[in-house]
């Protein structure tokens, strides 16, 4: 059979892959599906045929990289991600080599998908409305997201202090490139009921635009994905992983952050989900937002690396040893 670092013949390789995919991730993997992934370049192919002597057909041995990559796809499928563009992005985020053209096209397709899914909200009239409103008038959104349901429940908790109008203003930020003053107003209004007191980003040593620049779903936003450089992509990836590392450091103290019990629950859940972001759709969404923010910094002659420096400084302030991020991929043992 060979050890985990060896090459194997397909007749040995594929049955073990099928068994592991089904037992570990509940994915029934067919040979046709595997071949399709291989033809699309998602899985590395076998080595060149090796001769076995006169009169015998050559043999082709499959590397363990193919085994691991196939299991990672099954891991994504278990989490509801069954789109090839998303797989390419997650491969790249995990440190695999993905061509710049493939990565850009995948990001553009994912951005179009997110915008299309969000259209129900942008076109509902609720986002464009002004004046008084109620929580009941807000479009319901995805029904299969437990975090969304919990967030809705916390927002509707009257004593939490978040009004229906403020909730609407916050939702607007995803679709509009609001002025810095309006973004600052909404930020202040959101933070105070959650933290129990007002605080500005400047009070912790960073400008608001360095930590929060909404508007990446706006139809009027420029093609920030198509125009991003390889350096922008690398910077965004590094920021994402450092954010996860910072979140891991702060997670044990999440329950202390809220001024009320509902707010504390919100922080705890948010930190817990952030620690499990690797390999899911949320990570892709965060990457798109970061690319927008980096492009916006460039438009305004600002240094986008300040976003990374802010996180790194906060990490330096934390004491103790590094906290592991957890697995960036599935269990790929044979």
Protein backbone atom coordinates (compact mmCIF):
# COMPACT_ATOMS: atom_id res chain seq x y z
CA UNK A 1 0.00 0.00 0.00
CA UNK A 2 2.80 2.46 0.72
CA UNK A 3 3.14 5.13 3.36
CA UNK A 4 1.60 8.60 3.30
CA UNK A 5 4.49 10.13 1.36
CA UNK A 6 4.63 7.46 -1.33
CA UNK A 7 3.04 7.20 -4.75
CA UNK A 8 0.33 4.66 -5.43
CA UNK A 9 -1.35 3.00 -8.36
CA UNK A 10 -4.89 4.19 -9.03
CA UNK A 11 -6.36 0.80 -8.06
CA UNK A 12 -4.86 1.28 -4.59
CA UNK A 13 -5.16 5.06 -4.42
CA UNK A 14 -8.80 5.64 -5.34
CA UNK A 15 -10.59 3.11 -3.07
CA UNK A 16 -8.76 4.53 -0.06
CA UNK A 17 -9.70 8.04 -1.13
CA UNK A 18 -13.35 7.07 -1.55
CA UNK A 19 -13.47 5.40 1.86
CA UNK A 20 -11.85 8.34 3.62
CA UNK A 21 -14.05 10.95 1.90
CA UNK A 22 -17.20 9.09 2.88
CA UNK A 23 -16.17 8.28 6.45
CA UNK A 24 -14.70 11.68 7.29
CA UNK A 25 -16.79 14.14 5.26
CA UNK A 26 -19.88 12.24 4.19
CA UNK A 27 -19.03 12.74 0.52
CA UNK A 28 -19.64 9.90 -1.91
CA UNK A 29 -16.89 10.38 -4.46
CA UNK A 30 -17.28 8.76 -7.87
CA UNK A 31 -14.49 8.02 -10.29
CA UNK A 32 -16.19 10.26 -12.85
CA UNK A 33 -16.25 13.18 -10.42
CA UNK A 34 -12.61 12.67 -9.54
CA UNK A 35 -11.70 12.58 -13.24
CA UNK A 36 -13.62 15.82 -13.80
CA UNK A 37 -11.65 17.54 -11.03
CA UNK A 38 -8.44 16.27 -12.56
CA UNK A 39 -9.37 17.53 -16.04
CA UNK A 40 -10.09 20.98 -14.64
CA UNK A 41 -6.64 21.11 -13.05
CA UNK A 42 -7.94 21.02 -9.49
CA UNK A 43 -6.00 17.86 -8.69
CA UNK A 44 -2.42 17.10 -9.75
CA UNK A 45 -2.19 14.20 -12.15
CA UNK A 46 -0.17 11.02 -11.99
CA UNK A 47 3.52 10.75 -12.74
CA UNK A 48 4.70 9.80 -16.22
CA UNK A 49 4.07 6.14 -17.08
CA UNK A 50 6.76 3.78 -15.90
CA UNK A 51 7.68 0.81 -18.00
CA UNK A 52 7.44 -2.63 -16.44
CA UNK A 53 9.36 -4.58 -19.02
CA UNK A 54 8.75 -6.06 -22.42
CA UNK A 55 5.16 -7.00 -23.16
CA UNK A 56 3.74 -5.26 -20.05
CA UNK A 57 1.79 -2.01 -20.13
CA UNK A 58 3.37 0.88 -18.20
CA UNK A 59 2.01 1.91 -14.80
CA UNK A 60 1.06 5.39 -13.63
CA UNK A 61 1.52 6.27 -9.99
CA UNK A 62 -0.50 8.97 -8.21
CA UNK A 63 1.19 11.34 -5.73
CA UNK A 64 -0.11 11.96 -2.24
CA UNK A 65 -0.70 15.60 -3.23
CA UNK A 66 -3.61 14.39 -5.36
CA UNK A 67 -5.03 12.47 -2.41
CA UNK A 68 -4.78 15.46 -0.10
CA UNK A 69 -6.21 17.91 -2.64
CA UNK A 70 -9.21 15.67 -3.33
CA UNK A 71 -9.92 15.40 0.41
CA UNK A 72 -9.71 19.16 0.78
CA UNK A 73 -12.36 19.54 -1.91
CA UNK A 74 -14.53 17.06 -0.01
CA UNK A 75 -13.92 19.11 3.14
CA UNK A 76 -15.19 22.22 1.34
CA UNK A 77 -18.20 20.33 0.00
CA UNK A 78 -19.06 19.22 3.53
CA UNK A 79 -19.24 22.92 4.44
CA UNK A 80 -21.61 23.67 1.58
CA UNK A 81 -19.00 25.10 -0.82
CA UNK A 82 -19.46 23.28 -4.11
CA UNK A 83 -18.15 25.90 -6.54
CA UNK A 84 -14.86 25.59 -8.39
CA UNK A 85 -14.01 29.34 -8.18
CA UNK A 86 -14.35 29.20 -4.40
CA UNK A 87 -12.08 26.14 -4.27
CA UNK A 88 -9.35 27.94 -6.21
CA UNK A 89 -9.54 30.89 -3.80
CA UNK A 90 -9.38 28.66 -0.75
CA UNK A 91 -6.44 26.72 -2.22
CA UNK A 92 -4.58 30.00 -2.65
CA UNK A 93 -5.46 31.25 0.81
CA UNK A 94 -4.03 28.04 2.22
CA UNK A 95 -0.72 28.78 0.48
CA UNK A 96 -1.03 26.65 -2.65
CA UNK A 97 0.22 27.88 -6.01
CA UNK A 98 -2.64 29.26 -8.11
CA UNK A 99 -2.07 31.32 -11.24
CA UNK A 100 -2.91 35.01 -10.97
CA UNK A 101 -5.35 34.82 -13.88
CA UNK A 102 -7.25 31.89 -12.37
CA UNK A 103 -7.34 33.61 -8.98
CA UNK A 104 -8.62 36.90 -10.39
CA UNK A 105 -11.33 35.22 -12.46
CA UNK A 106 -12.40 33.17 -9.45
CA UNK A 107 -12.60 36.26 -7.23
CA UNK A 108 -14.61 38.14 -9.84
CA UNK A 109 -17.08 35.27 -10.12
CA UNK A 110 -17.43 35.06 -6.34
CA UNK A 111 -18.00 38.81 -6.08
CA UNK A 112 -20.73 38.62 -8.73
CA UNK A 113 -22.27 35.75 -6.83
CA UNK A 114 -22.28 37.64 -3.52
CA UNK A 115 -23.77 40.72 -5.18
CA UNK A 116 -26.44 38.61 -6.85
CA UNK A 117 -27.34 36.91 -3.58
CA UNK A 118 -27.51 40.29 -1.85
CA UNK A 119 -29.77 41.79 -4.49
CA UNK A 120 -32.88 40.87 -2.54
CA UNK A 121 -31.70 43.27 0.15
CA UNK A 122 -30.36 46.05 -2.07
CA UNK A 123 -33.52 46.10 -4.18
CA UNK A 124 -35.98 45.66 -1.34
CA UNK A 125 -36.58 49.37 -0.85
CA UNK A 126 -35.66 48.91 2.79
CA UNK A 127 -32.05 49.90 2.18
CA UNK A 128 -33.05 53.08 0.30
CA UNK A 129 -35.73 54.09 2.79
CA UNK A 130 -35.37 56.95 5.25
CA UNK A 131 -37.11 57.95 8.44
CA UNK A 132 -38.48 55.59 11.05
CA UNK A 133 -38.68 51.86 10.46
CA UNK A 134 -39.04 48.57 12.31
CA UNK A 135 -37.04 45.36 12.44
CA UNK A 136 -39.98 43.53 10.86
CA UNK A 137 -39.57 45.51 7.63
CA UNK A 138 -36.02 44.25 7.08
CA UNK A 139 -35.69 41.44 4.50
CA UNK A 140 -35.15 38.16 6.28
CA UNK A 141 -32.00 37.04 4.47
CA UNK A 142 -30.56 33.54 4.54
CA UNK A 143 -32.64 31.11 6.59
CA UNK A 144 -29.91 28.50 6.93
CA UNK A 145 -27.40 30.63 8.82
CA UNK A 146 -27.54 30.07 12.60
CA UNK A 147 -25.27 33.05 13.12
CA UNK A 148 -27.61 35.32 11.15
CA UNK A 149 -30.54 34.11 13.21
CA UNK A 150 -28.69 34.73 16.47
CA UNK A 151 -27.56 38.16 15.29
CA UNK A 152 -31.12 39.08 14.36
CA UNK A 153 -32.32 37.95 17.79
CA UNK A 154 -29.65 40.01 19.56
CA UNK A 155 -30.36 43.09 17.47
CA UNK A 156 -34.05 42.87 18.26
CA UNK A 157 -33.31 42.70 21.98
CA UNK A 158 -34.68 46.05 23.04
CA UNK A 159 -32.35 46.72 25.95
CA UNK A 160 -29.29 46.12 23.77
CA UNK A 161 -29.78 49.65 22.48
CA UNK A 162 -29.58 49.10 18.71
CA UNK A 163 -32.52 50.75 16.99
CA UNK A 164 -34.19 49.55 13.77
CA UNK A 165 -32.96 52.69 12.04
CA UNK A 166 -29.37 52.04 13.10
CA UNK A 167 -29.61 48.45 11.89
CA UNK A 168 -30.79 49.72 8.50
CA UNK A 169 -27.97 52.26 8.34
CA UNK A 170 -25.45 49.51 9.05
CA UNK A 171 -26.85 47.29 6.29
CA UNK A 172 -26.63 50.20 3.86
CA UNK A 173 -22.88 50.37 4.31
CA UNK A 174 -22.36 47.16 2.38
CA UNK A 175 -23.93 48.65 -0.74
CA UNK A 176 -22.92 52.32 -0.57
CA UNK A 177 -19.62 54.13 -0.54
CA UNK A 178 -20.63 56.44 2.28
CA UNK A 179 -18.62 59.46 3.34
CA UNK A 180 -16.12 59.02 6.14
CA UNK A 181 -18.24 61.20 8.44
CA UNK A 182 -21.35 59.08 7.88
CA UNK A 183 -19.39 55.87 8.38
CA UNK A 184 -17.96 57.31 11.58
CA UNK A 185 -21.41 58.22 12.87
CA UNK A 186 -22.71 54.71 12.31
CA UNK A 187 -19.61 53.18 13.87
CA UNK A 188 -20.00 55.26 17.01
CA UNK A 189 -23.70 54.50 17.27
CA UNK A 190 -23.09 50.76 16.97
CA UNK A 191 -20.19 50.56 19.41
CA UNK A 192 -21.75 52.43 22.31
CA UNK A 193 -24.64 50.04 23.12
CA UNK A 194 -22.40 47.00 22.69
CA UNK A 195 -19.44 48.26 24.72
CA UNK A 196 -21.37 50.38 27.17
CA UNK A 197 -19.41 53.50 26.25
CA UNK A 198 -18.35 55.42 23.18
CA UNK A 199 -14.94 54.88 21.65
CA UNK A 200 -13.33 55.98 18.42
CA UNK A 201 -10.74 54.04 16.42
CA UNK A 202 -8.47 57.04 16.81
CA UNK A 203 -8.51 56.48 20.58
CA UNK A 204 -6.82 53.13 20.02
CA UNK A 205 -4.32 54.59 17.60
CA UNK A 206 -5.79 54.00 14.15
CA UNK A 207 -8.07 55.83 11.74
CA UNK A 208 -11.53 54.45 11.04
CA UNK A 209 -10.73 53.91 7.36
CA UNK A 210 -7.82 51.68 8.39
CA UNK A 211 -10.11 49.19 10.09
CA UNK A 212 -13.51 49.66 8.46
CA UNK A 213 -14.17 50.83 4.91
CA UNK A 214 -17.56 49.51 3.76
CA UNK A 215 -19.03 49.60 0.27
CA UNK A 216 -17.51 46.57 -1.45
CA UNK A 217 -20.93 45.40 -2.71
CA UNK A 218 -21.75 48.70 -4.37
CA UNK A 219 -22.60 48.44 -8.07
CA UNK A 220 -20.77 51.72 -8.63
CA UNK A 221 -17.54 50.46 -7.09
CA UNK A 222 -14.70 50.18 -9.58
CA UNK A 223 -13.38 46.78 -10.66
CA UNK A 224 -11.15 46.46 -7.64
CA UNK A 225 -10.77 42.70 -8.09
CA UNK A 226 -9.83 42.81 -11.77
CA UNK A 227 -7.29 45.56 -11.20
CA UNK A 228 -5.68 44.31 -8.02
CA UNK A 229 -2.01 43.46 -8.23
CA UNK A 230 -0.33 40.31 -7.01
CA UNK A 231 1.13 42.40 -4.19
CA UNK A 232 -2.37 43.50 -3.16
CA UNK A 233 -3.50 39.89 -3.08
CA UNK A 234 -0.54 38.78 -0.99
CA UNK A 235 -1.11 41.66 1.44
CA UNK A 236 -4.80 40.79 1.79
CA UNK A 237 -3.97 37.16 2.49
CA UNK A 238 -1.45 38.11 5.14
CA UNK A 239 -3.92 40.46 6.81
CA UNK A 240 -6.53 37.68 6.92
CA UNK A 241 -4.22 35.19 8.63
CA UNK A 242 -2.95 37.78 11.14
CA UNK A 243 -6.56 38.69 11.92
CA UNK A 244 -7.24 35.06 12.68
CA UNK A 245 -4.19 34.93 14.92
CA UNK A 246 -5.33 38.03 16.79
CA UNK A 247 -8.82 36.61 17.13
CA UNK A 248 -7.38 33.44 18.64
CA UNK A 249 -5.54 35.55 21.20
CA UNK A 250 -8.65 37.52 22.13
CA UNK A 251 -11.14 34.64 22.08
CA UNK A 252 -10.73 33.69 25.79
CA UNK A 253 -11.76 37.22 26.76
CA UNK A 254 -14.71 37.55 24.36
CA UNK A 255 -17.27 37.28 27.17
CA UNK A 256 -15.84 40.41 28.82
CA UNK A 257 -16.30 42.65 25.79
CA UNK A 258 -20.06 43.20 25.91
CA UNK A 259 -21.75 45.66 28.24
CA UNK A 260 -24.80 43.39 28.51
CA UNK A 261 -25.39 39.66 28.44
CA UNK A 262 -26.78 39.68 24.86
CA UNK A 263 -23.85 41.75 23.68
CA UNK A 264 -21.40 39.40 25.39
CA UNK A 265 -23.05 36.42 23.71
CA UNK A 266 -22.69 38.19 20.37
CA UNK A 267 -18.96 38.69 20.91
CA UNK A 268 -18.43 35.11 22.03
CA UNK A 269 -20.24 33.71 18.99
CA UNK A 270 -18.45 36.09 16.65
CA UNK A 271 -15.04 35.07 17.97
CA UNK A 272 -15.92 31.38 17.88
CA UNK A 273 -17.02 31.62 14.26
CA UNK A 274 -13.96 33.63 13.32
CA UNK A 275 -11.79 30.81 14.63
CA UNK A 276 -13.62 28.40 12.33
CA UNK A 277 -13.52 30.59 9.23
CA UNK A 278 -10.78 28.67 7.49
CA UNK A 279 -12.23 26.69 4.63
CA UNK A 280 -15.57 28.46 4.48
CA UNK A 281 -17.39 31.16 2.55
CA UNK A 282 -16.84 33.81 5.21
CA UNK A 283 -13.11 33.80 4.53
CA UNK A 284 -13.74 34.53 0.84
CA UNK A 285 -16.09 37.37 1.74
CA UNK A 286 -13.46 38.83 4.07
CA UNK A 287 -10.88 38.63 1.28
CA UNK A 288 -13.15 40.54 -1.11
CA UNK A 289 -13.72 43.25 1.47
CA UNK A 290 -9.99 43.56 2.13
CA UNK A 291 -9.23 43.89 -1.58
CA UNK A 292 -11.78 46.68 -1.78
CA UNK A 293 -10.25 48.44 1.21
CA UNK A 294 -6.73 48.13 -0.22
CA UNK A 295 -7.91 49.53 -3.55
CA UNK A 296 -9.68 52.36 -1.74
CA UNK A 297 -6.50 53.20 0.15
CA UNK A 298 -4.62 53.40 -3.13
CA UNK A 299 -7.27 55.68 -4.61
CA UNK A 300 -6.83 58.07 -1.70
CA UNK A 301 -3.00 57.89 -1.65
CA UNK A 302 -2.94 55.97 1.62
CA UNK A 303 -0.59 53.14 2.50
CA UNK A 304 -2.66 49.92 2.69
CA UNK A 305 0.03 48.15 4.70
CA UNK A 306 -1.11 50.18 7.69
CA UNK A 307 -3.96 47.69 8.00
CA UNK A 308 -1.48 44.91 8.54
CA UNK A 309 0.71 47.01 10.84
CA UNK A 310 -2.27 47.78 13.06
CA UNK A 311 -2.94 44.08 13.61
CA UNK A 312 0.72 43.25 14.12
CA UNK A 313 1.05 45.96 16.78
CA UNK A 314 -1.96 44.58 18.63
CA UNK A 315 -0.40 41.13 18.53
CA UNK A 316 2.83 42.50 19.95
CA UNK A 317 0.88 43.98 22.83
CA UNK A 318 -0.58 40.60 23.72
CA UNK A 319 1.45 38.56 26.16
CA UNK A 320 2.12 34.85 26.09
CA UNK A 321 2.96 32.35 23.43
CA UNK A 322 1.33 32.28 20.02
CA UNK A 323 -2.02 30.58 19.86
CA UNK A 324 -2.39 28.06 17.08
CA UNK A 325 -4.94 28.97 14.41
CA UNK A 326 -6.12 25.41 14.21
CA UNK A 327 -6.08 23.28 11.12
CA UNK A 328 -6.04 25.18 7.83
CA UNK A 329 -7.18 22.06 6.07
CA UNK A 330 -8.89 18.75 6.62
CA UNK A 331 -7.58 15.64 8.22
CA UNK A 332 -5.79 14.03 5.30
CA UNK A 333 -4.43 10.91 6.99
CA UNK A 334 -4.71 7.74 4.97
